[in-house]
N, C-alpha and C. Protein backbone atom coordinates (compact mmCIF):
# COMPACT_ATOMS: atom_id res chain seq x y z
N MET A 1 -2.77 -39.46 33.26
CA MET A 1 -1.71 -39.51 34.22
C MET A 1 -1.24 -38.06 34.87
N LEU A 2 -1.29 -37.19 33.89
CA LEU A 2 -0.81 -35.80 34.15
C LEU A 2 -1.79 -35.11 35.09
N ASN A 3 -3.14 -35.35 34.74
CA ASN A 3 -4.16 -34.79 35.75
C ASN A 3 -4.05 -35.24 37.05
N ASN A 4 -3.66 -36.56 37.20
CA ASN A 4 -3.67 -37.10 38.62
C ASN A 4 -2.48 -36.40 39.46
N LYS A 5 -1.37 -36.13 38.81
CA LYS A 5 -0.34 -35.50 39.41
C LYS A 5 -0.67 -33.95 39.76
N ASN A 6 -1.35 -33.30 38.96
CA ASN A 6 -1.73 -31.99 39.31
C ASN A 6 -2.80 -31.99 40.36
N VAL A 7 -3.78 -32.96 40.38
CA VAL A 7 -4.61 -33.05 41.61
C VAL A 7 -3.88 -33.23 42.85
N ILE A 8 -2.88 -34.15 42.87
CA ILE A 8 -2.15 -34.54 43.97
C ILE A 8 -1.50 -33.44 44.39
N LEU A 9 -0.68 -32.62 43.58
CA LEU A 9 0.08 -31.39 43.87
C LEU A 9 -0.91 -30.39 44.56
N GLN A 10 -2.04 -30.25 44.10
CA GLN A 10 -3.05 -29.12 44.55
C GLN A 10 -3.35 -29.61 46.03
N ILE A 11 -3.57 -30.89 46.16
CA ILE A 11 -4.01 -31.33 47.48
C ILE A 11 -2.93 -31.19 48.59
N ILE A 12 -1.73 -31.37 48.16
CA ILE A 12 -0.58 -31.31 49.01
C ILE A 12 -0.11 -29.82 49.17
N SER A 13 -0.22 -29.02 48.31
CA SER A 13 0.16 -27.70 48.26
C SER A 13 -0.58 -26.78 49.20
N LYS A 14 -1.99 -26.95 49.26
CA LYS A 14 -2.80 -26.14 50.09
C LYS A 14 -2.42 -26.21 51.59
N PRO A 15 -2.26 -27.39 52.18
CA PRO A 15 -1.95 -27.39 53.70
C PRO A 15 -0.45 -26.86 53.81
N LEU A 16 0.37 -26.96 52.78
CA LEU A 16 1.77 -26.50 52.90
C LEU A 16 1.73 -25.01 52.94
N TYR A 17 0.88 -24.34 52.06
CA TYR A 17 0.79 -22.95 52.05
C TYR A 17 0.21 -22.30 53.31
N LEU A 18 -0.73 -23.05 53.89
CA LEU A 18 -1.32 -22.71 55.15
C LEU A 18 -0.15 -22.69 56.27
N ALA A 19 0.57 -23.82 56.32
CA ALA A 19 1.56 -24.04 57.32
C ALA A 19 2.75 -22.84 57.25
N VAL A 20 3.01 -22.55 55.95
CA VAL A 20 3.96 -21.45 55.87
C VAL A 20 3.38 -20.11 56.28
N PHE A 21 2.11 -19.81 55.87
CA PHE A 21 1.55 -18.72 56.33
C PHE A 21 1.45 -18.44 57.87
N CYS A 22 0.97 -19.63 58.51
CA CYS A 22 0.88 -19.62 59.99
C CYS A 22 2.24 -19.28 60.55
N ALA A 23 3.20 -20.05 60.01
CA ALA A 23 4.67 -19.89 60.62
C ALA A 23 5.09 -18.31 60.56
N LEU A 24 4.79 -17.77 59.34
CA LEU A 24 5.21 -16.33 59.10
C LEU A 24 4.47 -15.55 60.18
N LEU A 25 3.30 -15.80 60.26
CA LEU A 25 2.30 -15.01 61.15
C LEU A 25 2.87 -15.08 62.73
N VAL A 26 3.15 -16.23 63.11
CA VAL A 26 3.60 -16.44 64.44
C VAL A 26 5.01 -15.83 64.71
N PHE A 27 5.87 -16.18 63.87
CA PHE A 27 7.37 -15.79 63.97
C PHE A 27 7.60 -14.24 63.53
N GLY A 28 6.83 -13.90 62.47
CA GLY A 28 6.94 -12.46 62.03
C GLY A 28 6.43 -11.23 63.06
N CYS A 29 5.36 -11.82 63.82
CA CYS A 29 4.77 -10.77 64.68
C CYS A 29 5.23 -10.90 66.16
N SER A 30 6.26 -11.73 66.50
CA SER A 30 6.72 -11.79 67.70
C SER A 30 7.42 -10.71 68.25
N ASN A 31 7.25 -10.31 69.40
CA ASN A 31 7.93 -9.01 69.98
C ASN A 31 8.87 -9.38 70.95
N GLU A 32 9.45 -10.61 70.94
CA GLU A 32 10.45 -11.02 71.83
C GLU A 32 11.66 -10.07 71.78
N ASP A 33 12.05 -9.53 70.65
CA ASP A 33 13.11 -8.68 70.50
C ASP A 33 12.96 -7.42 71.14
N LEU A 34 11.82 -6.86 71.38
CA LEU A 34 11.49 -5.69 71.92
C LEU A 34 11.79 -5.58 73.40
N ASN A 35 12.45 -4.53 73.90
CA ASN A 35 12.86 -4.41 75.27
C ASN A 35 12.17 -3.05 75.76
N ILE A 36 10.91 -3.12 76.02
CA ILE A 36 10.23 -1.91 76.39
C ILE A 36 10.47 -1.68 77.90
N ALA A 37 10.92 -0.33 78.15
CA ALA A 37 11.18 0.07 79.63
C ALA A 37 10.27 1.34 79.80
N GLU A 38 10.13 1.70 81.10
CA GLU A 38 9.45 2.77 81.53
C GLU A 38 10.33 3.83 82.09
N PHE A 39 10.23 5.12 81.65
CA PHE A 39 11.13 6.16 82.20
C PHE A 39 10.18 7.40 82.48
N ARG A 40 10.75 8.11 83.61
CA ARG A 40 10.19 9.35 83.93
C ARG A 40 11.22 10.48 83.64
N GLY A 41 10.88 11.59 83.24
CA GLY A 41 11.99 12.60 83.01
C GLY A 41 11.32 13.84 82.45
N THR A 42 12.23 14.68 81.71
CA THR A 42 12.00 15.82 81.25
C THR A 42 12.38 16.02 79.84
N ILE A 43 11.48 16.63 79.12
CA ILE A 43 11.73 17.03 77.66
C ILE A 43 12.56 18.41 77.61
N ILE A 44 13.87 18.40 77.03
CA ILE A 44 14.63 19.59 77.17
C ILE A 44 14.97 19.96 75.72
N GLU A 45 15.02 21.20 75.52
CA GLU A 45 15.62 21.72 74.12
C GLU A 45 17.04 21.48 74.16
N GLY A 46 17.71 20.82 73.14
CA GLY A 46 19.04 20.50 73.24
C GLY A 46 19.88 21.88 73.29
N ALA A 47 19.49 22.82 72.73
CA ALA A 47 20.33 24.10 72.65
C ALA A 47 20.47 24.67 74.07
N THR A 48 19.58 24.40 75.00
CA THR A 48 19.52 24.95 76.38
C THR A 48 20.71 24.27 77.27
N VAL A 49 21.06 23.14 76.76
CA VAL A 49 22.12 22.41 77.57
C VAL A 49 23.37 22.10 76.71
N ASN A 50 23.55 22.97 75.64
CA ASN A 50 24.62 22.83 74.69
C ASN A 50 24.74 21.45 74.00
N ILE A 51 23.60 20.92 73.57
CA ILE A 51 23.56 19.61 72.76
C ILE A 51 22.98 19.90 71.43
N ASP A 52 23.66 19.43 70.50
CA ASP A 52 23.26 19.66 69.08
C ASP A 52 22.10 18.74 68.66
N CYS A 53 21.05 18.63 69.36
CA CYS A 53 19.97 17.88 69.03
C CYS A 53 18.65 18.80 69.35
N GLU A 54 17.64 18.67 68.53
CA GLU A 54 16.55 19.65 68.72
C GLU A 54 15.90 19.55 70.13
N PHE A 55 15.59 18.23 70.42
CA PHE A 55 14.95 18.00 71.70
C PHE A 55 15.56 16.65 72.32
N ILE A 56 15.71 16.59 73.56
CA ILE A 56 16.20 15.37 74.15
C ILE A 56 15.35 15.01 75.37
N PHE A 57 15.35 13.80 75.76
CA PHE A 57 14.55 13.30 76.91
C PHE A 57 15.57 13.04 77.97
N GLN A 58 15.58 13.74 79.05
CA GLN A 58 16.48 13.53 80.17
C GLN A 58 15.85 12.79 81.36
N THR A 59 16.24 11.51 81.71
CA THR A 59 15.71 10.91 82.89
C THR A 59 15.86 11.51 84.08
N ASN A 60 15.18 11.22 85.26
CA ASN A 60 15.39 11.63 86.51
C ASN A 60 16.81 11.29 87.02
N GLY A 61 17.40 10.28 86.34
CA GLY A 61 18.70 9.83 86.91
C GLY A 61 19.78 10.62 86.02
N GLY A 62 19.42 11.36 85.14
CA GLY A 62 20.43 12.26 84.45
C GLY A 62 20.72 11.85 83.09
N THR A 63 20.53 10.64 82.76
CA THR A 63 20.85 10.05 81.43
C THR A 63 20.01 10.75 80.36
N TYR A 64 20.42 11.02 79.10
CA TYR A 64 19.52 11.51 78.15
C TYR A 64 19.59 10.59 77.02
N TYR A 65 18.38 10.65 76.36
CA TYR A 65 18.06 9.90 75.12
C TYR A 65 17.53 10.83 74.09
N VAL A 66 17.66 10.46 72.94
CA VAL A 66 17.15 11.29 71.61
C VAL A 66 15.84 10.66 71.09
N PRO A 67 14.66 11.19 71.31
CA PRO A 67 13.57 10.54 70.78
C PRO A 67 13.53 10.57 69.33
N THR A 68 13.19 9.35 68.72
CA THR A 68 13.13 9.12 67.23
C THR A 68 12.02 9.81 66.56
N PHE A 69 10.84 10.02 67.47
CA PHE A 69 9.75 10.67 66.99
C PHE A 69 9.09 11.30 68.22
N LEU A 70 9.00 12.60 68.44
CA LEU A 70 8.48 13.24 69.55
C LEU A 70 7.25 13.92 69.16
N PRO A 71 5.95 13.44 69.61
CA PRO A 71 4.78 14.24 69.13
C PRO A 71 4.89 15.83 69.51
N ALA A 72 4.31 16.59 68.61
CA ALA A 72 4.35 18.03 68.59
C ALA A 72 3.95 18.59 69.92
N GLN A 73 2.92 18.11 70.60
CA GLN A 73 2.55 18.62 71.96
C GLN A 73 3.53 18.48 73.01
N PHE A 74 4.50 17.53 72.82
CA PHE A 74 5.62 17.38 73.85
C PHE A 74 6.87 18.12 73.50
N LYS A 75 6.82 18.84 72.42
CA LYS A 75 8.01 19.68 71.97
C LYS A 75 8.08 21.09 72.58
N GLN A 76 8.26 21.00 73.99
CA GLN A 76 8.43 22.23 74.84
C GLN A 76 9.44 21.87 75.80
N ASN A 77 10.19 22.90 76.08
CA ASN A 77 11.32 22.83 77.06
C ASN A 77 10.76 22.70 78.53
N GLY A 78 11.20 21.59 79.22
CA GLY A 78 10.83 21.55 80.66
C GLY A 78 9.54 20.75 80.85
N VAL A 79 9.05 20.05 79.85
CA VAL A 79 7.73 19.29 80.05
C VAL A 79 8.10 17.91 80.74
N LEU A 80 7.57 17.73 81.87
CA LEU A 80 7.73 16.46 82.59
C LEU A 80 6.91 15.36 81.99
N VAL A 81 7.53 14.20 81.56
CA VAL A 81 6.70 13.19 80.85
C VAL A 81 7.05 11.81 81.44
N PHE A 82 6.18 10.95 81.16
CA PHE A 82 6.34 9.42 81.38
C PHE A 82 6.40 8.77 80.05
N ILE A 83 7.45 7.96 79.85
CA ILE A 83 7.65 7.48 78.58
C ILE A 83 7.76 5.81 78.75
N LYS A 84 6.97 4.99 77.83
CA LYS A 84 7.25 3.62 77.74
C LYS A 84 7.88 3.57 76.27
N GLY A 85 9.24 2.96 76.21
CA GLY A 85 9.84 3.03 75.08
C GLY A 85 11.01 1.98 74.97
N GLU A 86 11.62 1.83 73.84
CA GLU A 86 12.62 0.96 73.63
C GLU A 86 13.96 1.86 73.41
N VAL A 87 14.97 1.56 74.23
CA VAL A 87 16.23 2.27 73.92
C VAL A 87 17.00 1.40 72.92
N LEU A 88 17.38 2.19 71.82
CA LEU A 88 17.96 1.47 70.72
C LEU A 88 19.48 1.61 70.89
N GLU A 89 20.20 0.67 70.19
CA GLU A 89 21.63 0.65 70.26
C GLU A 89 22.23 1.78 69.53
N GLU A 90 21.67 2.28 68.57
CA GLU A 90 22.16 3.31 67.72
C GLU A 90 22.39 4.68 68.47
N LEU A 91 23.52 5.22 68.29
CA LEU A 91 23.80 6.55 69.01
C LEU A 91 23.31 7.63 67.96
N SER A 92 22.89 8.75 68.60
CA SER A 92 22.57 9.89 67.78
C SER A 92 23.71 10.78 67.50
N SER A 93 23.63 11.68 66.66
CA SER A 93 24.89 12.52 66.38
C SER A 93 25.20 13.44 67.52
N CYS A 94 24.38 13.69 68.45
CA CYS A 94 24.71 14.33 69.73
C CYS A 94 25.02 13.54 70.95
N SER A 95 25.48 12.31 70.66
CA SER A 95 25.85 11.42 71.89
C SER A 95 27.13 11.85 72.41
N ASN A 96 27.42 11.39 73.71
CA ASN A 96 28.63 11.68 74.35
C ASN A 96 29.44 10.31 74.59
N ALA A 97 30.58 10.51 75.23
CA ALA A 97 31.50 9.29 75.52
C ALA A 97 30.82 8.65 76.69
N ASN A 98 29.97 9.14 77.48
CA ASN A 98 29.36 8.42 78.62
C ASN A 98 28.20 7.46 78.24
N GLY A 99 27.89 7.44 76.89
CA GLY A 99 26.76 6.52 76.41
C GLY A 99 25.51 7.18 76.40
N ASP A 100 25.47 8.54 76.78
CA ASP A 100 24.23 9.32 76.74
C ASP A 100 24.04 9.67 75.23
N GLY A 101 22.67 9.79 74.80
CA GLY A 101 22.36 10.19 73.43
C GLY A 101 22.04 9.02 72.58
N ARG A 102 21.67 7.92 73.21
CA ARG A 102 21.10 6.79 72.42
C ARG A 102 19.68 7.15 72.02
N PHE A 103 19.25 6.71 70.85
CA PHE A 103 17.91 6.86 70.37
C PHE A 103 16.91 6.11 71.27
N ILE A 104 15.83 6.70 71.46
CA ILE A 104 14.76 6.01 72.15
C ILE A 104 13.47 6.05 71.32
N ARG A 105 12.83 4.86 70.96
CA ARG A 105 11.65 4.65 70.18
C ARG A 105 10.52 4.72 71.02
N ILE A 106 9.68 5.76 71.15
CA ILE A 106 8.49 5.96 71.97
C ILE A 106 7.45 5.14 71.65
N GLU A 107 7.05 4.29 72.47
CA GLU A 107 5.77 3.59 72.33
C GLU A 107 4.51 4.27 72.91
N GLN A 108 4.75 4.80 74.14
CA GLN A 108 3.72 5.55 74.66
C GLN A 108 4.33 6.75 75.43
N ILE A 109 3.66 7.97 75.45
CA ILE A 109 4.15 9.00 76.07
C ILE A 109 3.02 9.75 76.67
N SER A 110 3.14 10.23 77.97
CA SER A 110 2.06 11.15 78.54
C SER A 110 2.71 12.13 79.47
N SER A 111 1.99 13.04 79.93
CA SER A 111 2.43 14.19 80.89
C SER A 111 2.59 13.36 82.24
N ALA A 112 3.59 13.63 82.93
CA ALA A 112 3.89 13.06 84.11
C ALA A 112 3.14 13.93 85.26
N ASN A 113 2.40 13.22 86.10
CA ASN A 113 1.59 13.97 87.14
C ASN A 113 2.04 13.55 88.48
C-alpha cells in the first residue's frame, strides 16, 4: 500500500513541479516594471558644474541624471550621447531640490550623431 502512495505522489508531483517552474519563468522574467525611456544629452564631469558626482548625464532639456554605470569610453567631459535607460526613484548624493540627480540605469548608450 505504501508503494502505491509513493507512485501516486510521483505522478502528481511532476506536473506540479513543471507548473511551478513555468510560473516562475513567466512572472520572474517579466519586464512590465521597467520603464525604459530615450534621452539625448551630454556627459559632463560633475566638478565642472560644481556637482559632487564624478560624471552626470545632462539632457538637452537641462535635467541631469547620475549614471549607475557609465562605460569608460564615455567618461569624457562634453561627449554627446543617446541613452536608452530607466530613471530610478533613488536620488544620488549629488541631487538637488528640483529633483535633478536621480540615478539612471543605462540599457544602451551610443554617441549622438
